[in-house]
């Protein structure tokens, strides 16, 4: 999954691409060609490991 600065350009890659927002993260989903999937904006808990959080 690629992290892109502009998801509008990622949506134009394929006609079946969909832009979806989930928990503050924006995803481009393409079921017919999964290599076009992308995300933008990581949620707060994704970068922290459970061991490092107190």
C-alpha atoms as a PDB file:
ATOM      1  CA  UNK A   1       0.000   0.000   0.000  1.00  0.00           C
ATOM      2  CA  UNK A   2       1.471   3.345  -1.015  1.00  0.00           C
ATOM      3  CA  UNK A   3       1.374   6.530   1.034  1.00  0.00           C
ATOM      4  CA  UNK A   4       0.708   9.364  -1.391  1.00  0.00           C
ATOM      5  CA  UNK A   5       0.603  13.136  -1.072  1.00  0.00           C
ATOM      6  CA  UNK A   6      -2.310  13.453  -3.505  1.00  0.00           C
ATOM      7  CA  UNK A   7      -5.047  10.851  -3.571  1.00  0.00           C
ATOM      8  CA  UNK A   8      -6.911  12.633  -6.355  1.00  0.00           C
ATOM      9  CA  UNK A   9      -4.180  11.562  -8.765  1.00  0.00           C
ATOM     10  CA  UNK A  10      -4.328   8.043  -7.347  1.00  0.00           C
ATOM     11  CA  UNK A  11      -8.063   7.811  -8.010  1.00  0.00           C
ATOM     12  CA  UNK A  12      -7.552   8.596 -11.703  1.00  0.00           C
ATOM     13  CA  UNK A  13      -5.331   5.534 -12.181  1.00  0.00           C
ATOM     14  CA  UNK A  14      -8.254   3.176 -12.783  1.00  0.00           C
ATOM     15  CA  UNK A  15     -11.998   3.512 -13.355  1.00  0.00           C
ATOM     16  CA  UNK A  16     -12.888   1.113 -10.517  1.00  0.00           C
ATOM     17  CA  UNK A  17     -10.914   2.969  -7.803  1.00  0.00           C
ATOM     18  CA  UNK A  18     -12.914   4.234  -4.818  1.00  0.00           C
ATOM     19  CA  UNK A  19     -11.869   6.805  -2.218  1.00  0.00           C
ATOM     20  CA  UNK A  20     -12.908   5.776   1.313  1.00  0.00           C
ATOM     21  CA  UNK A  21     -12.356   7.493   4.684  1.00  0.00           C
ATOM     22  CA  UNK A  22     -12.007   5.328   7.781  1.00  0.00           C
ATOM     23  CA  UNK A  23     -10.995   6.629  11.241  1.00  0.00           C
ATOM     24  CA  UNK A  24      -9.252   9.709   9.890  1.00  0.00           C
ATOM     25  CA  UNK A  25      -7.343   7.807   7.207  1.00  0.00           C
ATOM     26  CA  UNK A  26      -8.223   8.133   3.522  1.00  0.00           C
ATOM     27  CA  UNK A  27      -7.828   5.037   1.365  1.00  0.00           C
ATOM     28  CA  UNK A  28      -8.019   4.349  -2.367  1.00  0.00           C
ATOM     29  CA  UNK A  29      -9.462   0.871  -2.886  1.00  0.00           C
ATOM     30  CA  UNK A  30      -9.417  -0.947  -6.221  1.00  0.00           C
ATOM     31  CA  UNK A  31     -10.802  -4.485  -6.195  1.00  0.00           C
ATOM     32  CA  UNK A  32     -10.112  -5.257  -9.854  1.00  0.00           C
ATOM     33  CA  UNK A  33      -6.448  -4.199  -9.677  1.00  0.00           C
ATOM     34  CA  UNK A  34      -5.131  -4.203  -6.064  1.00  0.00           C
ATOM     35  CA  UNK A  35      -1.778  -2.643  -6.978  1.00  0.00           C
ATOM     36  CA  UNK A  36      -3.559   0.724  -7.158  1.00  0.00           C
ATOM     37  CA  UNK A  37      -4.513   0.777  -3.476  1.00  0.00           C
ATOM     38  CA  UNK A  38      -3.186   3.692  -1.433  1.00  0.00           C
ATOM     39  CA  UNK A  39      -3.631   5.489   1.885  1.00  0.00           C
ATOM     40  CA  UNK A  40      -3.192   8.990   3.251  1.00  0.00           C
ATOM     41  CA  UNK A  41      -3.080  10.236   6.840  1.00  0.00           C
ATOM     42  CA  UNK A  42      -2.125   7.660   9.471  1.00  0.00           C
ATOM     43  CA  UNK A  43      -4.304   7.372  12.549  1.00  0.00           C
ATOM     44  CA  UNK A  44      -2.817   8.139  15.936  1.00  0.00           C
ATOM     45  CA  UNK A  45      -2.291   4.561  17.138  1.00  0.00           C
ATOM     46  CA  UNK A  46      -0.768   3.043  14.008  1.00  0.00           C
ATOM     47  CA  UNK A  47       2.783   4.278  14.506  1.00  0.00           C
ATOM     48  CA  UNK A  48       3.097   3.393  18.193  1.00  0.00           C
ATOM     49  CA  UNK A  49       3.897  -0.082  19.351  1.00  0.00           C
ATOM     50  CA  UNK A  50       2.005  -1.424  22.342  1.00  0.00           C
ATOM     51  CA  UNK A  51       5.220  -1.920  24.302  1.00  0.00           C
ATOM     52  CA  UNK A  52       6.299   1.709  23.902  1.00  0.00           C
ATOM     53  CA  UNK A  53       2.996   3.248  25.040  1.00  0.00           C
ATOM     54  CA  UNK A  54       2.503   3.764  28.763  1.00  0.00           C
END
